[in-house]
Protein backbone atom coordinates (compact mmCIF):
# COMPACT_ATOMS: atom_id res chain seq x y z
CA MET A 1 0.00 0.00 0.00
CA ASP A 2 1.54 3.29 -1.05
CA GLY A 3 1.12 6.64 0.69
CA MET A 4 -1.86 7.75 -1.37
CA GLU A 5 -3.79 4.54 -0.71
CA MET A 6 -3.15 4.92 3.02
CA ILE A 7 -4.43 8.50 2.94
CA ASN A 8 -7.54 7.41 1.04
CA ALA A 9 -8.11 4.55 3.50
CA GLY A 10 -7.72 6.97 6.41
CA LEU A 11 -10.13 9.48 4.88
CA SER A 12 -12.61 6.72 4.15
CA ALA A 13 -12.46 5.54 7.76
CA VAL A 14 -12.97 9.08 9.08
CA SER A 15 -15.87 9.76 6.76
CA THR A 16 -17.47 6.42 7.66
CA VAL A 17 -17.04 6.77 11.43
CA GLY A 18 -17.11 10.57 11.67
CA PHE A 19 -20.82 10.99 10.98
CA PRO A 20 -22.01 8.64 13.76
CA ILE A 21 -19.64 10.31 16.22
CA ALA A 22 -20.88 13.76 15.25
CA ALA A 23 -24.51 12.62 15.43
CA CYS A 24 -23.98 11.13 18.90
CA TYR A 25 -22.33 14.35 20.08
CA ILE A 26 -25.19 16.48 18.74
CA MET A 27 -27.78 14.20 20.37
CA PHE A 28 -25.85 14.29 23.65
CA ARG A 29 -25.85 18.10 23.64
CA TYR A 30 -29.55 18.19 22.73
CA MET A 31 -30.49 15.81 25.56
CA ASN A 32 -28.48 17.84 28.08
CA LYS A 33 -30.24 21.03 27.01
CA GLU A 34 -33.64 19.34 27.22
CA GLN A 35 -32.81 18.02 30.68
CA GLU A 36 -31.87 21.54 31.85
CA ASN A 37 -35.13 22.93 30.44
CA HIS A 38 -37.14 20.15 32.08
CA LYS A 39 -35.48 20.78 35.44
CA ALA A 40 -36.41 24.48 35.22
CA GLU A 41 -40.01 23.57 34.39
CA VAL A 42 -40.25 21.10 37.27
CA ASP A 43 -38.77 23.64 39.69
CA GLY A 44 -41.40 26.15 38.60
CA LEU A 45 -44.15 23.58 39.11
CA LYS A 46 -42.82 22.78 42.59
CA ASN A 47 -43.13 26.46 43.51
CA VAL A 48 -46.69 26.65 42.19
CA ILE A 49 -47.71 23.51 44.08
CA SER A 50 -46.17 24.85 47.26
CA GLU A 51 -48.05 28.14 46.89
CA ASN A 52 -51.28 26.26 46.20
CA ASN A 53 -50.79 24.16 49.34
CA THR A 54 -50.35 27.32 51.40
CA ILE A 55 -53.47 28.91 49.92
CA LEU A 56 -55.50 25.71 50.43
CA ALA A 57 -54.42 25.55 54.07
CA GLN A 58 -55.53 29.16 54.54
CA LEU A 59 -58.82 28.46 52.79
CA LYS A 60 -59.39 25.39 54.96
CA GLN A 61 -58.78 27.43 58.08
CA LEU A 62 -61.15 30.15 56.87
CA ILE A 63 -63.91 27.61 56.16
CA GLU A 64 -63.40 25.94 59.53
CA ASP A 65 -63.60 29.32 61.27
CA LYS A 66 -66.83 30.18 59.43
CA LEU A 67 -68.42 26.84 60.34
CA LYS A 68 -67.77 27.30 64.06
């Protein structure tokens, strides 16, 4: 195998393997970004649920006071 054949074989290997590596990297980055976005959404929902629990406890107390 001469030098040019080795270069062609190397380029062929990179072009064959390079795309799957690049695709995996892009998917990895995408999944990390989605996970960060999901965490922010869940944190927001936790705050809303906590506020609702507080308001429901106050409403319960108000109803109990009115029924007495």
